[in-house]
Amino acid sequence: MRKNFGAKPWTYPQPVFILASYGEDGVPDAMNAAWGGISEDDQLSLCISAGHKTTANILARKAFTVSMATADQLAACDYVGIVSGNTVADKLARTGWHTTRSEFVDAPLIQELPMSVECRLISYDPDSCRLVGQIVNVSADESVLGEDGKIDPEKLRPITFDPVHHTYRTLGPVAGSAFRDGAKLK
C-alpha cells in the first residue's frame, strides 16, 4: 500500500551544490543550493531566487562555479546556506575556505571542495528563479581521483539533501551496473 503526500518537491538523491561567485568588489561569495541538476549535455540549471547576493553577483559577472558539497565540509556547506551574503559580507571567509580564480570563468574555486563545475551564465528568469549555466570545465583535486584517473564518489563523499527530513545524507556504496553486470529482469 502507498501513502500519498500530495505535491512535494521530493526527489532522491538531491545534490547539494555550493555556488561561488565574485561580488562587484572582487570578494568571493558562496551559497548552498539543493534545487538543481544537469539540464542539457553542457548545461546546469538551478533554482535560486533573485534576492540572493550570489544571484546578483552571477548576473553581474556572467559566471559561477558549482562545487559538490562534501561530508568533510558539512558544517561550512550548511553555514553558507543559512547565512545571507546580504547581511554577512565575509561569510565565505568565515567558513575558513580558501579560493583560487578559475582558469575558465570569472568565478572562484573553493579549494576545500575538491570537485567543481565551472559555468558561464546562459540565462536567468526572475519569475521562475531558473538560472542556467553553460558548463565550460569540470575540475577535481587529485585526492578524489580513482586508479582510473576519474572522480571516485567514495573519495569525494558528496552529500545529498533529504527534503523529507530536512537533513543531509552521504551517498552509499556502488549498487552495481545492472545489465552490464548480467542482471536479469524478473
Protein backbone atom coordinates (compact mmCIF):
# COMPACT_ATOMS: atom_id res chain seq x y z
CA MET A 1 0.00 0.00 0.00
CA ARG A 2 1.20 3.51 -0.82
CA LYS A 3 0.80 6.66 1.25
CA ASN A 4 0.04 9.89 -0.63
CA PHE A 5 1.82 13.08 0.40
CA GLY A 6 0.48 15.49 -2.22
CA ALA A 7 2.60 17.71 -4.43
CA LYS A 8 6.02 18.00 -2.77
CA PRO A 9 9.50 18.87 -4.13
CA TRP A 10 10.88 15.48 -3.11
CA THR A 11 13.40 13.61 -5.22
CA TYR A 12 16.35 11.40 -4.30
CA PRO A 13 19.21 11.97 -4.44
CA GLN A 14 19.05 15.77 -4.39
CA PRO A 15 22.61 17.06 -4.79
CA VAL A 16 23.87 19.83 -2.57
CA PHE A 17 25.63 22.44 -4.69
CA ILE A 18 27.79 25.26 -3.43
CA LEU A 19 27.61 28.15 -5.89
CA ALA A 20 30.55 30.53 -5.80
CA SER A 21 30.85 33.93 -7.43
CA TYR A 22 32.72 37.19 -7.12
CA GLY A 23 30.99 40.34 -5.93
CA GLU A 24 31.44 43.66 -7.69
CA ASP A 25 34.24 44.35 -5.18
CA GLY A 26 36.02 41.09 -6.12
CA VAL A 27 35.23 39.42 -2.79
CA PRO A 28 34.31 35.73 -3.19
CA ASP A 29 30.85 34.65 -2.07
CA ALA A 30 29.16 31.26 -1.83
CA MET A 31 25.72 29.83 -1.20
CA ASN A 32 24.20 26.39 -0.73
CA ALA A 33 21.62 25.38 -3.35
CA ALA A 34 19.92 21.98 -3.37
CA TRP A 35 17.47 22.50 -6.23
CA GLY A 36 19.32 21.90 -9.46
CA GLY A 37 20.89 19.48 -11.87
CA ILE A 38 22.02 18.78 -15.41
CA SER A 39 19.50 20.07 -17.95
CA GLU A 40 21.44 19.54 -21.22
CA ASP A 41 24.73 17.83 -22.05
CA ASP A 42 26.59 21.06 -21.39
CA GLN A 43 24.16 22.90 -19.11
CA LEU A 44 23.37 23.04 -15.43
CA SER A 45 20.09 24.53 -14.18
CA LEU A 46 19.43 25.77 -10.66
CA CYS A 47 16.54 27.35 -8.85
CA ILE A 48 17.78 30.37 -6.88
CA SER A 49 15.79 33.46 -6.00
CA ALA A 50 16.69 36.94 -7.15
CA GLY A 51 17.21 38.17 -3.57
CA HIS A 52 20.46 36.25 -3.04
CA LYS A 53 23.74 38.17 -3.18
CA THR A 54 25.11 35.26 -5.21
CA THR A 55 22.37 35.74 -7.82
CA ALA A 56 23.28 39.43 -8.18
CA ASN A 57 26.98 38.51 -8.43
CA ILE A 58 26.32 35.92 -11.14
CA LEU A 59 24.19 38.33 -13.14
CA ALA A 60 26.92 40.99 -12.92
CA ARG A 61 29.89 38.71 -13.68
CA LYS A 62 28.10 36.25 -16.02
CA ALA A 63 29.95 33.35 -14.40
CA PHE A 64 29.89 30.99 -11.41
CA THR A 65 31.26 27.72 -10.14
CA VAL A 66 29.26 24.87 -8.66
CA SER A 67 31.10 22.67 -6.19
CA MET A 68 29.80 19.42 -4.81
CA ALA A 69 29.23 19.77 -1.07
CA THR A 70 31.08 17.07 0.85
CA ALA A 71 30.67 15.25 4.13
CA ASP A 72 34.09 16.55 5.22
CA GLN A 73 32.87 20.13 4.80
CA LEU A 74 29.30 19.63 6.05
CA ALA A 75 29.27 22.43 8.66
CA ALA A 76 30.69 25.04 6.29
CA CYS A 77 28.40 23.91 3.45
CA ASP A 78 25.36 24.25 5.71
CA TYR A 79 26.59 27.64 7.02
CA VAL A 80 26.72 29.22 3.54
CA GLY A 81 23.13 28.06 3.04
CA ILE A 82 21.84 29.57 6.27
CA VAL A 83 23.72 32.87 6.40
CA SER A 84 23.00 35.56 3.81
CA GLY A 85 25.77 37.36 1.98
CA ASN A 86 23.47 40.39 2.00
CA THR A 87 23.96 40.68 5.78
CA VAL A 88 27.37 38.98 6.35
CA ALA A 89 29.75 40.37 3.75
CA ASP A 90 32.59 37.95 4.55
CA LYS A 91 30.54 34.78 5.02
CA LEU A 92 32.78 32.67 2.77
CA ALA A 93 35.87 33.80 4.70
CA ARG A 94 34.17 32.83 7.97
CA THR A 95 33.95 29.21 6.78
CA GLY A 96 37.75 29.01 6.69
CA TRP A 97 37.61 28.20 2.98
CA HIS A 98 40.23 29.42 0.54
CA THR A 99 39.62 30.29 -3.10
CA THR A 100 41.53 30.49 -6.33
CA ARG A 101 40.33 32.05 -9.56
CA SER A 102 39.04 29.63 -12.20
CA GLU A 103 41.12 29.48 -15.39
CA PHE A 104 37.93 29.26 -17.44
CA VAL A 105 35.33 31.63 -15.94
CA ASP A 106 35.29 34.79 -13.81
CA ALA A 107 34.45 32.94 -10.60
CA PRO A 108 36.25 31.38 -7.63
CA LEU A 109 37.06 27.74 -6.99
CA ILE A 110 36.80 26.69 -3.35
CA GLN A 111 39.94 24.72 -2.52
CA GLU A 112 38.34 22.70 0.29
CA LEU A 113 35.61 21.39 -2.06
CA PRO A 114 37.51 19.07 -4.39
CA MET A 115 35.10 18.95 -7.38
CA SER A 116 33.72 21.93 -9.26
CA VAL A 117 31.73 22.62 -12.40
CA GLU A 118 32.75 25.92 -13.96
CA CYS A 119 29.94 27.75 -15.77
CA ARG A 120 29.16 30.77 -17.91
CA LEU A 121 25.73 32.27 -17.40
CA ILE A 122 23.29 31.47 -20.21
CA SER A 123 20.11 32.87 -18.69
CA TYR A 124 18.22 33.78 -15.57
CA ASP A 125 14.44 34.08 -15.25
CA PRO A 126 13.47 36.02 -12.11
CA ASP A 127 9.85 34.82 -12.39
CA SER A 128 10.73 31.12 -12.21
CA CYS A 129 14.10 31.67 -10.43
CA ARG A 130 15.73 29.39 -13.04
CA LEU A 131 19.42 30.01 -13.56
CA VAL A 132 21.09 28.21 -16.46
CA GLY A 133 24.84 27.94 -16.90
CA GLN A 134 26.92 26.52 -19.72
CA ILE A 135 29.46 24.02 -18.40
CA VAL A 136 32.88 25.03 -19.70
CA ASN A 137 35.01 22.83 -17.43
CA VAL A 138 34.86 20.29 -14.63
CA SER A 139 37.84 20.25 -12.30
CA ALA A 140 38.72 17.90 -9.47
CA ASP A 141 41.54 17.68 -6.97
CA GLU A 142 43.73 14.61 -7.50
CA SER A 143 42.84 13.45 -3.97
CA VAL A 144 39.37 12.39 -5.20
CA LEU A 145 40.52 10.56 -8.32
CA GLY A 146 40.46 6.78 -8.55
CA GLU A 147 43.02 4.48 -10.13
CA ASP A 148 41.31 5.08 -13.48
CA GLY A 149 42.02 8.83 -13.23
CA LYS A 150 38.32 9.68 -12.91
CA ILE A 151 36.38 11.14 -9.98
CA ASP A 152 35.71 8.49 -7.34
CA PRO A 153 32.48 9.26 -5.41
CA GLU A 154 33.73 7.23 -2.44
CA LYS A 155 36.74 9.55 -2.16
CA LEU A 156 34.72 12.70 -2.92
CA ARG A 157 32.00 11.85 -0.36
CA PRO A 158 29.34 14.19 -1.78
CA ILE A 159 26.31 14.89 0.35
CA THR A 160 22.72 15.00 -0.77
CA PHE A 161 19.81 16.91 0.71
CA ASP A 162 16.95 14.89 2.17
CA PRO A 163 13.95 17.20 1.60
CA VAL A 164 11.60 14.96 3.58
CA HIS A 165 13.61 15.05 6.81
CA HIS A 166 15.46 18.35 6.16
CA THR A 167 18.89 16.84 6.67
CA TYR A 168 21.97 15.83 4.69
CA ARG A 169 22.98 12.30 3.71
CA THR A 170 26.03 10.77 2.08
CA LEU A 171 25.86 8.58 -0.99
CA GLY A 172 26.09 4.85 -0.39
CA PRO A 173 28.25 2.12 -1.92
CA VAL A 174 28.09 1.04 -5.55
CA ALA A 175 24.92 -0.97 -6.20
CA GLY A 176 26.17 -2.46 -9.47
CA SER A 177 25.93 -1.80 -13.17
CA ALA A 178 22.73 -3.85 -13.68
CA PHE A 179 22.62 -5.15 -17.24
CA ARG A 180 26.34 -4.62 -17.79
CA ASP A 181 26.80 -6.97 -14.80
CA GLY A 182 24.40 -9.51 -16.27
CA ALA A 183 21.27 -8.57 -14.29
CA LYS A 184 18.04 -10.18 -15.46
CA LEU A 185 14.52 -8.81 -15.32
CA LYS A 186 12.09 -10.79 -13.19
